[in-house]
mmCIF file of all heavy atoms, coordinates in Angstrom:
data_MODEL
# 
_entry.id   MODEL 
# 
loop_
_atom_site.group_PDB 
_atom_site.id 
_atom_site.type_symbol 
_atom_site.label_atom_id 
_atom_site.label_alt_id 
_atom_site.label_comp_id 
_atom_site.label_asym_id 
_atom_site.label_entity_id 
_atom_site.label_seq_id 
_atom_site.pdbx_PDB_ins_code 
_atom_site.Cartn_x 
_atom_site.Cartn_y 
_atom_site.Cartn_z 
_atom_site.occupancy 
_atom_site.B_iso_or_equiv 
_atom_site.pdbx_formal_charge 
_atom_site.auth_seq_id 
_atom_site.auth_comp_id 
_atom_site.auth_asym_id 
_atom_site.auth_atom_id 
_atom_site.pdbx_PDB_model_num 
ATOM 1   N N   . LEU A 1 1  ? 45.365 -116.428 -22.611 1.00 0.00 ? 1  LEU A N   1 
ATOM 2   C CA  . LEU A 1 1  ? 46.636 -117.012 -23.034 1.00 0.00 ? 1  LEU A CA  1 
ATOM 3   C C   . LEU A 1 1  ? 47.079 -117.973 -21.942 1.00 0.00 ? 1  LEU A C   1 
ATOM 4   O O   . LEU A 1 1  ? 47.042 -117.639 -20.757 1.00 0.00 ? 1  LEU A O   1 
ATOM 5   C CB  . LEU A 1 1  ? 47.695 -115.928 -23.240 1.00 0.00 ? 1  LEU A CB  1 
ATOM 6   C CG  . LEU A 1 1  ? 47.394 -114.865 -24.300 1.00 0.00 ? 1  LEU A CG  1 
ATOM 7   C CD1 . LEU A 1 1  ? 48.443 -113.761 -24.249 1.00 0.00 ? 1  LEU A CD1 1 
ATOM 8   C CD2 . LEU A 1 1  ? 47.345 -115.492 -25.684 1.00 0.00 ? 1  LEU A CD2 1 
ATOM 9   N N   . SER A 1 2  ? 47.529 -119.173 -22.335 1.00 0.00 ? 2  SER A N   1 
ATOM 10  C CA  . SER A 1 2  ? 47.921 -120.175 -21.342 1.00 0.00 ? 2  SER A CA  1 
ATOM 11  C C   . SER A 1 2  ? 49.236 -120.821 -21.744 1.00 0.00 ? 2  SER A C   1 
ATOM 12  O O   . SER A 1 2  ? 49.571 -120.937 -22.925 1.00 0.00 ? 2  SER A O   1 
ATOM 13  C CB  . SER A 1 2  ? 46.834 -121.236 -21.190 1.00 0.00 ? 2  SER A CB  1 
ATOM 14  O OG  . SER A 1 2  ? 46.634 -121.926 -22.404 1.00 0.00 ? 2  SER A OG  1 
ATOM 15  N N   . LEU A 1 3  ? 49.972 -121.261 -20.709 1.00 0.00 ? 3  LEU A N   1 
ATOM 16  C CA  . LEU A 1 3  ? 51.235 -121.971 -20.895 1.00 0.00 ? 3  LEU A CA  1 
ATOM 17  C C   . LEU A 1 3  ? 51.271 -123.153 -19.943 1.00 0.00 ? 3  LEU A C   1 
ATOM 18  O O   . LEU A 1 3  ? 51.174 -122.977 -18.725 1.00 0.00 ? 3  LEU A O   1 
ATOM 19  C CB  . LEU A 1 3  ? 52.424 -121.046 -20.624 1.00 0.00 ? 3  LEU A CB  1 
ATOM 20  C CG  . LEU A 1 3  ? 53.805 -121.721 -20.577 1.00 0.00 ? 3  LEU A CG  1 
ATOM 21  C CD1 . LEU A 1 3  ? 54.147 -122.333 -21.943 1.00 0.00 ? 3  LEU A CD1 1 
ATOM 22  C CD2 . LEU A 1 3  ? 54.878 -120.742 -20.134 1.00 0.00 ? 3  LEU A CD2 1 
ATOM 23  N N   . GLN A 1 4  ? 51.369 -124.364 -20.507 1.00 0.00 ? 4  GLN A N   1 
ATOM 24  C CA  . GLN A 1 4  ? 51.460 -125.575 -19.698 1.00 0.00 ? 4  GLN A CA  1 
ATOM 25  C C   . GLN A 1 4  ? 52.919 -125.758 -19.290 1.00 0.00 ? 4  GLN A C   1 
ATOM 26  O O   . GLN A 1 4  ? 53.705 -126.449 -19.941 1.00 0.00 ? 4  GLN A O   1 
ATOM 27  C CB  . GLN A 1 4  ? 50.962 -126.785 -20.486 1.00 0.00 ? 4  GLN A CB  1 
ATOM 28  C CG  . GLN A 1 4  ? 50.862 -128.065 -19.685 1.00 0.00 ? 4  GLN A CG  1 
ATOM 29  C CD  . GLN A 1 4  ? 49.598 -128.130 -18.827 1.00 0.00 ? 4  GLN A CD  1 
ATOM 30  O OE1 . GLN A 1 4  ? 48.519 -127.779 -19.274 1.00 0.00 ? 4  GLN A OE1 1 
ATOM 31  N NE2 . GLN A 1 4  ? 49.749 -128.601 -17.594 1.00 0.00 ? 4  GLN A NE2 1 
ATOM 32  N N   . ALA A 1 5  ? 53.321 -125.127 -18.180 1.00 0.00 ? 5  ALA A N   1 
ATOM 33  C CA  . ALA A 1 5  ? 54.715 -125.151 -17.760 1.00 0.00 ? 5  ALA A CA  1 
ATOM 34  C C   . ALA A 1 5  ? 55.143 -126.530 -17.299 1.00 0.00 ? 5  ALA A C   1 
ATOM 35  O O   . ALA A 1 5  ? 56.316 -126.894 -17.423 1.00 0.00 ? 5  ALA A O   1 
ATOM 36  C CB  . ALA A 1 5  ? 54.937 -124.122 -16.646 1.00 0.00 ? 5  ALA A CB  1 
ATOM 37  N N   . ALA A 1 6  ? 54.218 -127.280 -16.722 1.00 0.00 ? 6  ALA A N   1 
ATOM 38  C CA  . ALA A 1 6  ? 54.504 -128.629 -16.233 1.00 0.00 ? 6  ALA A CA  1 
ATOM 39  C C   . ALA A 1 6  ? 53.188 -129.396 -16.206 1.00 0.00 ? 6  ALA A C   1 
ATOM 40  O O   . ALA A 1 6  ? 52.116 -128.792 -16.309 1.00 0.00 ? 6  ALA A O   1 
ATOM 41  C CB  . ALA A 1 6  ? 55.149 -128.576 -14.848 1.00 0.00 ? 6  ALA A CB  1 
ATOM 42  N N   . PRO A 1 7  ? 53.231 -130.723 -16.081 1.00 0.00 ? 7  PRO A N   1 
ATOM 43  C CA  . PRO A 1 7  ? 51.968 -131.482 -16.048 1.00 0.00 ? 7  PRO A CA  1 
ATOM 44  C C   . PRO A 1 7  ? 51.019 -131.043 -14.950 1.00 0.00 ? 7  PRO A C   1 
ATOM 45  O O   . PRO A 1 7  ? 49.798 -131.199 -15.079 1.00 0.00 ? 7  PRO A O   1 
ATOM 46  C CB  . PRO A 1 7  ? 52.432 -132.924 -15.840 1.00 0.00 ? 7  PRO A CB  1 
ATOM 47  C CG  . PRO A 1 7  ? 53.811 -132.954 -16.408 1.00 0.00 ? 7  PRO A CG  1 
ATOM 48  C CD  . PRO A 1 7  ? 54.402 -131.616 -16.119 1.00 0.00 ? 7  PRO A CD  1 
ATOM 49  N N   . THR A 1 8  ? 51.543 -130.476 -13.858 1.00 0.00 ? 8  THR A N   1 
ATOM 50  C CA  . THR A 1 8  ? 50.698 -130.056 -12.743 1.00 0.00 ? 8  THR A CA  1 
ATOM 51  C C   . THR A 1 8  ? 50.672 -128.544 -12.564 1.00 0.00 ? 8  THR A C   1 
ATOM 52  O O   . THR A 1 8  ? 50.212 -128.055 -11.543 1.00 0.00 ? 8  THR A O   1 
ATOM 53  C CB  . THR A 1 8  ? 51.191 -130.698 -11.440 1.00 0.00 ? 8  THR A CB  1 
ATOM 54  O OG1 . THR A 1 8  ? 52.556 -130.297 -11.208 1.00 0.00 ? 8  THR A OG1 1 
ATOM 55  C CG2 . THR A 1 8  ? 51.108 -132.212 -11.511 1.00 0.00 ? 8  THR A CG2 1 
ATOM 56  N N   . ARG A 1 9  ? 51.168 -127.783 -13.560 1.00 0.00 ? 9  ARG A N   1 
ATOM 57  C CA  . ARG A 1 9  ? 51.230 -126.334 -13.392 1.00 0.00 ? 9  ARG A CA  1 
ATOM 58  C C   . ARG A 1 9  ? 50.905 -125.638 -14.709 1.00 0.00 ? 9  ARG A C   1 
ATOM 59  O O   . ARG A 1 9  ? 51.519 -125.935 -15.741 1.00 0.00 ? 9  ARG A O   1 
ATOM 60  C CB  . ARG A 1 9  ? 52.607 -125.904 -12.888 1.00 0.00 ? 9  ARG A CB  1 
ATOM 61  C CG  . ARG A 1 9  ? 52.687 -124.410 -12.549 1.00 0.00 ? 9  ARG A CG  1 
ATOM 62  C CD  . ARG A 1 9  ? 53.943 -124.062 -11.751 1.00 0.00 ? 9  ARG A CD  1 
ATOM 63  N NE  . ARG A 1 9  ? 55.159 -124.264 -12.539 1.00 0.00 ? 9  ARG A NE  1 
ATOM 64  C CZ  . ARG A 1 9  ? 56.038 -125.236 -12.338 1.00 0.00 ? 9  ARG A CZ  1 
ATOM 65  N NH1 . ARG A 1 9  ? 55.819 -126.138 -11.378 1.00 0.00 ? 9  ARG A NH1 1 
ATOM 66  N NH2 . ARG A 1 9  ? 57.119 -125.358 -13.083 1.00 0.00 ? 9  ARG A NH2 1 
ATOM 67  N N   . VAL A 1 10 ? 49.938 -124.705 -14.655 1.00 0.00 ? 10 VAL A N   1 
ATOM 68  C CA  . VAL A 1 10 ? 49.525 -123.944 -15.830 1.00 0.00 ? 10 VAL A CA  1 
ATOM 69  C C   . VAL A 1 10 ? 49.572 -122.460 -15.485 1.00 0.00 ? 10 VAL A C   1 
ATOM 70  O O   . VAL A 1 10 ? 49.063 -122.039 -14.436 1.00 0.00 ? 10 VAL A O   1 
ATOM 71  C CB  . VAL A 1 10 ? 48.098 -124.329 -16.282 1.00 0.00 ? 10 VAL A CB  1 
ATOM 72  C CG1 . VAL A 1 10 ? 47.677 -123.509 -17.492 1.00 0.00 ? 10 VAL A CG1 1 
ATOM 73  C CG2 . VAL A 1 10 ? 48.030 -125.810 -16.592 1.00 0.00 ? 10 VAL A CG2 1 
ATOM 74  N N   . TRP A 1 11 ? 50.155 -121.663 -16.353 1.00 0.00 ? 11 TRP A N   1 
ATOM 75  C CA  . TRP A 1 11 ? 50.136 -120.202 -16.223 1.00 0.00 ? 11 TRP A CA  1 
ATOM 76  C C   . TRP A 1 11 ? 49.113 -119.641 -17.202 1.00 0.00 ? 11 TRP A C   1 
ATOM 77  O O   . TRP A 1 11 ? 49.069 -120.041 -18.362 1.00 0.00 ? 11 TRP A O   1 
ATOM 78  C CB  . TRP A 1 11 ? 51.513 -119.603 -16.531 1.00 0.00 ? 11 TRP A CB  1 
ATOM 79  C CG  . TRP A 1 11 ? 52.561 -119.941 -15.512 1.00 0.00 ? 11 TRP A CG  1 
ATOM 80  C CD1 . TRP A 1 11 ? 53.428 -121.001 -15.538 1.00 0.00 ? 11 TRP A CD1 1 
ATOM 81  C CD2 . TRP A 1 11 ? 52.831 -119.218 -14.313 1.00 0.00 ? 11 TRP A CD2 1 
ATOM 82  N NE1 . TRP A 1 11 ? 54.236 -120.980 -14.420 1.00 0.00 ? 11 TRP A NE1 1 
ATOM 83  C CE2 . TRP A 1 11 ? 53.892 -119.895 -13.648 1.00 0.00 ? 11 TRP A CE2 1 
ATOM 84  C CE3 . TRP A 1 11 ? 52.301 -118.069 -13.726 1.00 0.00 ? 11 TRP A CE3 1 
ATOM 85  C CZ2 . TRP A 1 11 ? 54.421 -119.457 -12.444 1.00 0.00 ? 11 TRP A CZ2 1 
ATOM 86  C CZ3 . TRP A 1 11 ? 52.833 -117.636 -12.521 1.00 0.00 ? 11 TRP A CZ3 1 
ATOM 87  C CH2 . TRP A 1 11 ? 53.866 -118.325 -11.889 1.00 0.00 ? 11 TRP A CH2 1 
ATOM 88  N N   . LYS A 1 12 ? 48.300 -118.698 -16.716 1.00 0.00 ? 12 LYS A N   1 
ATOM 89  C CA  . LYS A 1 12 ? 47.270 -118.093 -17.559 1.00 0.00 ? 12 LYS A CA  1 
ATOM 90  C C   . LYS A 1 12 ? 47.286 -116.582 -17.430 1.00 0.00 ? 12 LYS A C   1 
ATOM 91  O O   . LYS A 1 12 ? 47.513 -116.041 -16.343 1.00 0.00 ? 12 LYS A O   1 
ATOM 92  C CB  . LYS A 1 12 ? 45.871 -118.598 -17.175 1.00 0.00 ? 12 LYS A CB  1 
ATOM 93  C CG  . LYS A 1 12 ? 45.558 -120.007 -17.631 1.00 0.00 ? 12 LYS A CG  1 
ATOM 94  C CD  . LYS A 1 12 ? 44.103 -120.360 -17.363 1.00 0.00 ? 12 LYS A CD  1 
ATOM 95  C CE  . LYS A 1 12 ? 43.766 -121.741 -17.879 1.00 0.00 ? 12 LYS A CE  1 
ATOM 96  N NZ  . LYS A 1 12 ? 42.325 -122.066 -17.679 1.00 0.00 ? 12 LYS A NZ  1 
ATOM 97  N N   . LEU A 1 13 ? 47.038 -115.918 -18.535 1.00 0.00 ? 13 LEU A N   1 
ATOM 98  C CA  . LEU A 1 13 ? 46.841 -114.467 -18.575 1.00 0.00 ? 13 LEU A CA  1 
ATOM 99  C C   . LEU A 1 13 ? 45.500 -114.233 -19.246 1.00 0.00 ? 13 LEU A C   1 
ATOM 100 O O   . LEU A 1 13 ? 45.319 -114.593 -20.422 1.00 0.00 ? 13 LEU A O   1 
ATOM 101 C CB  . LEU A 1 13 ? 47.969 -113.775 -19.345 1.00 0.00 ? 13 LEU A CB  1 
ATOM 102 C CG  . LEU A 1 13 ? 47.872 -112.247 -19.449 1.00 0.00 ? 13 LEU A CG  1 
ATOM 103 C CD1 . LEU A 1 13 ? 47.973 -111.612 -18.074 1.00 0.00 ? 13 LEU A CD1 1 
ATOM 104 C CD2 . LEU A 1 13 ? 48.954 -111.709 -20.383 1.00 0.00 ? 13 LEU A CD2 1 
ATOM 105 N N   . GLU A 1 14 ? 44.550 -113.650 -18.491 1.00 0.00 ? 14 GLU A N   1 
ATOM 106 C CA  . GLU A 1 14 ? 43.174 -113.529 -18.979 1.00 0.00 ? 14 GLU A CA  1 
ATOM 107 C C   . GLU A 1 14 ? 42.677 -112.093 -18.890 1.00 0.00 ? 14 GLU A C   1 
ATOM 108 O O   . GLU A 1 14 ? 43.100 -111.324 -18.019 1.00 0.00 ? 14 GLU A O   1 
ATOM 109 C CB  . GLU A 1 14 ? 42.230 -114.412 -18.141 1.00 0.00 ? 14 GLU A CB  1 
ATOM 110 C CG  . GLU A 1 14 ? 42.590 -115.881 -18.132 1.00 0.00 ? 14 GLU A CG  1 
ATOM 111 C CD  . GLU A 1 14 ? 41.650 -116.683 -17.243 1.00 0.00 ? 14 GLU A CD  1 
ATOM 112 O OE1 . GLU A 1 14 ? 40.923 -116.071 -16.432 1.00 0.00 ? 14 GLU A OE1 1 
ATOM 113 O OE2 . GLU A 1 14 ? 41.655 -117.908 -17.345 1.00 0.00 ? 14 GLU A OE2 1 
ATOM 114 N N   . TYR A 1 15 ? 41.775 -111.780 -19.803 1.00 0.00 ? 15 TYR A N   1 
ATOM 115 C CA  . TYR A 1 15 ? 41.021 -110.524 -19.714 1.00 0.00 ? 15 TYR A CA  1 
ATOM 116 C C   . TYR A 1 15 ? 39.601 -110.789 -20.181 1.00 0.00 ? 15 TYR A C   1 
ATOM 117 O O   . TYR A 1 15 ? 39.368 -111.451 -21.203 1.00 0.00 ? 15 TYR A O   1 
ATOM 118 C CB  . TYR A 1 15 ? 41.638 -109.423 -20.586 1.00 0.00 ? 15 TYR A CB  1 
ATOM 119 C CG  . TYR A 1 15 ? 40.709 -108.237 -20.746 1.00 0.00 ? 15 TYR A CG  1 
ATOM 120 C CD1 . TYR A 1 15 ? 40.552 -107.312 -19.717 1.00 0.00 ? 15 TYR A CD1 1 
ATOM 121 C CD2 . TYR A 1 15 ? 39.950 -108.070 -21.905 1.00 0.00 ? 15 TYR A CD2 1 
ATOM 122 C CE1 . TYR A 1 15 ? 39.686 -106.249 -19.840 1.00 0.00 ? 15 TYR A CE1 1 
ATOM 123 C CE2 . TYR A 1 15 ? 39.075 -107.000 -22.037 1.00 0.00 ? 15 TYR A CE2 1 
ATOM 124 C CZ  . TYR A 1 15 ? 38.946 -106.095 -21.008 1.00 0.00 ? 15 TYR A CZ  1 
ATOM 125 O OH  . TYR A 1 15 ? 38.071 -105.044 -21.120 1.00 0.00 ? 15 TYR A OH  1 
ATOM 126 N N   . ASN A 1 16 ? 38.629 -110.279 -19.400 1.00 0.00 ? 16 ASN A N   1 
ATOM 127 C CA  . ASN A 1 16 ? 37.240 -110.340 -19.844 1.00 0.00 ? 16 ASN A CA  1 
ATOM 128 C C   . ASN A 1 16 ? 36.454 -109.204 -19.218 1.00 0.00 ? 16 ASN A C   1 
ATOM 129 O O   . ASN A 1 16 ? 36.904 -108.572 -18.256 1.00 0.00 ? 16 ASN A O   1 
ATOM 130 C CB  . ASN A 1 16 ? 36.605 -111.705 -19.520 1.00 0.00 ? 16 ASN A CB  1 
ATOM 131 C CG  . ASN A 1 16 ? 36.519 -111.961 -18.038 1.00 0.00 ? 16 ASN A CG  1 
ATOM 132 O OD1 . ASN A 1 16 ? 35.742 -111.319 -17.328 1.00 0.00 ? 16 ASN A OD1 1 
ATOM 133 N ND2 . ASN A 1 16 ? 37.314 -112.903 -17.541 1.00 0.00 ? 16 ASN A ND2 1 
ATOM 134 N N   . THR A 1 17 ? 35.306 -108.962 -19.767 1.00 0.00 ? 17 THR A N   1 
ATOM 135 C CA  . THR A 1 17 ? 34.409 -107.905 -19.311 1.00 0.00 ? 17 THR A CA  1 
ATOM 136 C C   . THR A 1 17 ? 33.085 -108.526 -18.909 1.00 0.00 ? 17 THR A C   1 
ATOM 137 O O   . THR A 1 17 ? 32.567 -109.401 -19.607 1.00 0.00 ? 17 THR A O   1 
ATOM 138 C CB  . THR A 1 17 ? 34.181 -106.866 -20.423 1.00 0.00 ? 17 THR A CB  1 
ATOM 139 O OG1 . THR A 1 17 ? 35.434 -106.313 -20.818 1.00 0.00 ? 17 THR A OG1 1 
ATOM 140 C CG2 . THR A 1 17 ? 33.290 -105.734 -19.932 1.00 0.00 ? 17 THR A CG2 1 
ATOM 141 N N   . ARG A 1 18 ? 32.554 -108.091 -17.767 1.00 0.00 ? 18 ARG A N   1 
ATOM 142 C CA  . ARG A 1 18 ? 31.251 -108.540 -17.303 1.00 0.00 ? 18 ARG A CA  1 
ATOM 143 C C   . ARG A 1 18 ? 30.323 -107.346 -17.180 1.00 0.00 ? 18 ARG A C   1 
ATOM 144 O O   . ARG A 1 18 ? 30.757 -106.219 -16.919 1.00 0.00 ? 18 ARG A O   1 
ATOM 145 C CB  . ARG A 1 18 ? 31.340 -109.257 -15.953 1.00 0.00 ? 18 ARG A CB  1 
ATOM 146 C CG  . ARG A 1 18 ? 32.453 -110.271 -15.828 1.00 0.00 ? 18 ARG A CG  1 
ATOM 147 C CD  . ARG A 1 18 ? 32.437 -111.307 -16.923 1.00 0.00 ? 18 ARG A CD  1 
ATOM 148 N NE  . ARG A 1 18 ? 31.204 -112.093 -16.953 1.00 0.00 ? 18 ARG A NE  1 
ATOM 149 C CZ  . ARG A 1 18 ? 30.847 -112.842 -17.984 1.00 0.00 ? 18 ARG A CZ  1 
ATOM 150 N NH1 . ARG A 1 18 ? 31.594 -112.876 -19.058 1.00 0.00 ? 18 ARG A NH1 1 
ATOM 151 N NH2 . ARG A 1 18 ? 29.731 -113.525 -17.932 1.00 0.00 ? 18 ARG A NH2 1 
ATOM 152 N N   . VAL A 1 19 ? 29.041 -107.582 -17.346 1.00 0.00 ? 19 VAL A N   1 
ATOM 153 C CA  . VAL A 1 19 ? 28.017 -106.534 -17.265 1.00 0.00 ? 19 VAL A CA  1 
ATOM 154 C C   . VAL A 1 19 ? 27.024 -106.911 -16.170 1.00 0.00 ? 19 VAL A C   1 
ATOM 155 O O   . VAL A 1 19 ? 26.599 -108.060 -16.078 1.00 0.00 ? 19 VAL A O   1 
ATOM 156 C CB  . VAL A 1 19 ? 27.298 -106.360 -18.613 1.00 0.00 ? 19 VAL A CB  1 
ATOM 157 C CG1 . VAL A 1 19 ? 26.154 -105.367 -18.485 1.00 0.00 ? 19 VAL A CG1 1 
ATOM 158 C CG2 . VAL A 1 19 ? 28.276 -105.904 -19.681 1.00 0.00 ? 19 VAL A CG2 1 
ATOM 159 N N   . LEU A 1 20 ? 26.681 -105.950 -15.333 1.00 0.00 ? 20 LEU A N   1 
ATOM 160 C CA  . LEU A 1 20 ? 25.689 -106.164 -14.282 1.00 0.00 ? 20 LEU A CA  1 
ATOM 161 C C   . LEU A 1 20 ? 24.532 -105.200 -14.502 1.00 0.00 ? 20 LEU A C   1 
ATOM 162 O O   . LEU A 1 20 ? 24.695 -103.983 -14.384 1.00 0.00 ? 20 LEU A O   1 
ATOM 163 C CB  . LEU A 1 20 ? 26.304 -105.947 -12.899 1.00 0.00 ? 20 LEU A CB  1 
ATOM 164 C CG  . LEU A 1 20 ? 25.340 -106.097 -11.718 1.00 0.00 ? 20 LEU A CG  1 
ATOM 165 C CD1 . LEU A 1 20 ? 24.770 -107.510 -11.658 1.00 0.00 ? 20 LEU A CD1 1 
ATOM 166 C CD2 . LEU A 1 20 ? 26.026 -105.751 -10.409 1.00 0.00 ? 20 LEU A CD2 1 
ATOM 167 N N   . ARG A 1 21 ? 23.372 -105.777 -14.859 1.00 0.00 ? 21 ARG A N   1 
ATOM 168 C CA  . ARG A 1 21 ? 22.179 -104.958 -15.050 1.00 0.00 ? 21 ARG A CA  1 
ATOM 169 C C   . ARG A 1 21 ? 21.328 -105.025 -13.786 1.00 0.00 ? 21 ARG A C   1 
ATOM 170 O O   . ARG A 1 21 ? 21.276 -106.054 -13.125 1.00 0.00 ? 21 ARG A O   1 
ATOM 171 C CB  . ARG A 1 21 ? 21.368 -105.443 -16.252 1.00 0.00 ? 21 ARG A CB  1 
ATOM 172 C CG  . ARG A 1 21 ? 22.166 -105.455 -17.554 1.00 0.00 ? 21 ARG A CG  1 
ATOM 173 C CD  . ARG A 1 21 ? 21.276 -105.838 -18.735 1.00 0.00 ? 21 ARG A CD  1 
ATOM 174 N NE  . ARG A 1 21 ? 22.062 -106.003 -19.940 1.00 0.00 ? 21 ARG A NE  1 
ATOM 175 C CZ  . ARG A 1 21 ? 22.554 -107.160 -20.370 1.00 0.00 ? 21 ARG A CZ  1 
ATOM 176 N NH1 . ARG A 1 21 ? 22.315 -108.255 -19.673 1.00 0.00 ? 21 ARG A NH1 1 
ATOM 177 N NH2 . ARG A 1 21 ? 23.269 -107.235 -21.469 1.00 0.00 ? 21 ARG A NH2 1 
ATOM 178 N N   . PRO A 1 22 ? 20.630 -103.960 -13.441 1.00 0.00 ? 22 PRO A N   1 
ATOM 179 C CA  . PRO A 1 22 ? 19.819 -103.972 -12.219 1.00 0.00 ? 22 PRO A CA  1 
ATOM 180 C C   . PRO A 1 22 ? 18.664 -104.947 -12.343 1.00 0.00 ? 22 PRO A C   1 
ATOM 181 O O   . PRO A 1 22 ? 17.950 -104.971 -13.346 1.00 0.00 ? 22 PRO A O   1 
ATOM 182 C CB  . PRO A 1 22 ? 19.331 -102.524 -12.092 1.00 0.00 ? 22 PRO A CB  1 
ATOM 183 C CG  . PRO A 1 22 ? 19.413 -101.973 -13.488 1.00 0.00 ? 22 PRO A CG  1 
ATOM 184 C CD  . PRO A 1 22 ? 20.571 -102.650 -14.137 1.00 0.00 ? 22 PRO A CD  1 
ATOM 185 N N   . GLY A 1 23 ? 18.492 -105.772 -11.310 1.00 0.00 ? 23 GLY A N   1 
ATOM 186 C CA  . GLY A 1 23 ? 17.382 -106.712 -11.275 1.00 0.00 ? 23 GLY A CA  1 
ATOM 187 C C   . GLY A 1 23 ? 16.118 -106.066 -10.755 1.00 0.00 ? 23 GLY A C   1 
ATOM 188 O O   . GLY A 1 23 ? 16.108 -104.916 -10.304 1.00 0.00 ? 23 GLY A O   1 
ATOM 189 N N   . VAL A 1 24 ? 15.035 -106.844 -10.795 1.00 0.00 ? 24 VAL A N   1 
ATOM 190 C CA  . VAL A 1 24 ? 13.738 -106.294 -10.413 1.00 0.00 ? 24 VAL A CA  1 
ATOM 191 C C   . VAL A 1 24 ? 13.721 -105.886 -8.952  1.00 0.00 ? 24 VAL A C   1 
ATOM 192 O O   . VAL A 1 24 ? 13.043 -104.915 -8.581  1.00 0.00 ? 24 VAL A O   1 
ATOM 193 C CB  . VAL A 1 24 ? 12.632 -107.317 -10.727 1.00 0.00 ? 24 VAL A CB  1 
ATOM 194 C CG1 . VAL A 1 24 ? 12.804 -108.580 -9.897  1.00 0.00 ? 24 VAL A CG1 1 
ATOM 195 C CG2 . VAL A 1 24 ? 11.251 -106.697 -10.458 1.00 0.00 ? 24 VAL A CG2 1 
ATOM 196 N N   . GLN A 1 25 ? 14.496 -106.586 -8.100  1.00 0.00 ? 25 GLN A N   1 
ATOM 197 C CA  . GLN A 1 25 ? 14.480 -106.230 -6.683  1.00 0.00 ? 25 GLN A CA  1 
ATOM 198 C C   . GLN A 1 25 ? 15.089 -104.861 -6.440  1.00 0.00 ? 25 GLN A C   1 
ATOM 199 O O   . GLN A 1 25 ? 14.823 -104.220 -5.420  1.00 0.00 ? 25 GLN A O   1 
ATOM 200 C CB  . GLN A 1 25 ? 15.221 -107.282 -5.850  1.00 0.00 ? 25 GLN A CB  1 
ATOM 201 C CG  . GLN A 1 25 ? 16.708 -107.369 -6.110  1.00 0.00 ? 25 GLN A CG  1 
ATOM 202 C CD  . GLN A 1 25 ? 17.055 -108.341 -7.205  1.00 0.00 ? 25 GLN A CD  1 
ATOM 203 O OE1 . GLN A 1 25 ? 16.283 -108.542 -8.132  1.00 0.00 ? 25 GLN A OE1 1 
ATOM 204 N NE2 . GLN A 1 25 ? 18.225 -108.940 -7.101  1.00 0.00 ? 25 GLN A NE2 1 
ATOM 205 N N   . TYR A 1 26 ? 15.931 -104.390 -7.366  1.00 0.00 ? 26 TYR A N   1 
ATOM 206 C CA  . TYR A 1 26 ? 16.520 -103.060 -7.232  1.00 0.00 ? 26 TYR A CA  1 
ATOM 207 C C   . TYR A 1 26 ? 15.695 -101.994 -7.949  1.00 0.00 ? 26 TYR A C   1 
ATOM 208 O O   . TYR A 1 26 ? 15.836 -100.808 -7.672  1.00 0.00 ? 26 TYR A O   1 
ATOM 209 C CB  . TYR A 1 26 ? 17.943 -103.057 -7.783  1.00 0.00 ? 26 TYR A CB  1 
ATOM 210 C CG  . TYR A 1 26 ? 18.861 -103.998 -7.053  1.00 0.00 ? 26 TYR A CG  1 
ATOM 211 C CD1 . TYR A 1 26 ? 19.280 -105.183 -7.644  1.00 0.00 ? 26 TYR A CD1 1 
ATOM 212 C CD2 . TYR A 1 26 ? 19.294 -103.717 -5.759  1.00 0.00 ? 26 TYR A CD2 1 
ATOM 213 C CE1 . TYR A 1 26 ? 20.110 -106.066 -6.966  1.00 0.00 ? 26 TYR A CE1 1 
ATOM 214 C CE2 . TYR A 1 26 ? 20.120 -104.594 -5.077  1.00 0.00 ? 26 TYR A CE2 1 
ATOM 215 C CZ  . TYR A 1 26 ? 20.531 -105.756 -5.689  1.00 0.00 ? 26 TYR A CZ  1 
ATOM 216 O OH  . TYR A 1 26 ? 21.359 -106.629 -5.018  1.00 0.00 ? 26 TYR A OH  1 
ATOM 217 N N   . LEU A 1 27 ? 14.842 -102.414 -8.887  1.00 0.00 ? 27 LEU A N   1 
ATOM 218 C CA  . LEU A 1 27 ? 14.016 -101.465 -9.628  1.00 0.00 ? 27 LEU A CA  1 
ATOM 219 C C   . LEU A 1 27 ? 12.633 -101.283 -9.014  1.00 0.00 ? 27 LEU A C   1 
ATOM 220 O O   . LEU A 1 27 ? 12.013 -100.230 -9.172  1.00 0.00 ? 27 LEU A O   1 
ATOM 221 C CB  . LEU A 1 27 ? 13.851 -101.939 -11.072 1.00 0.00 ? 27 LEU A CB  1 
ATOM 222 C CG  . LEU A 1 27 ? 15.108 -102.001 -11.937 1.00 0.00 ? 27 LEU A CG  1 
ATOM 223 C CD1 . LEU A 1 27 ? 14.802 -102.720 -13.242 1.00 0.00 ? 27 LEU A CD1 1 
ATOM 224 C CD2 . LEU A 1 27 ? 15.643 -100.611 -12.219 1.00 0.00 ? 27 LEU A CD2 1 
# 
């Protein structure tokens, strides 16, 4: 969600999920 409060100022509210799978160097 974003709000352009002024030409040089933006407010944002964000949510996301990231996944980290083990790479070969860890396996």
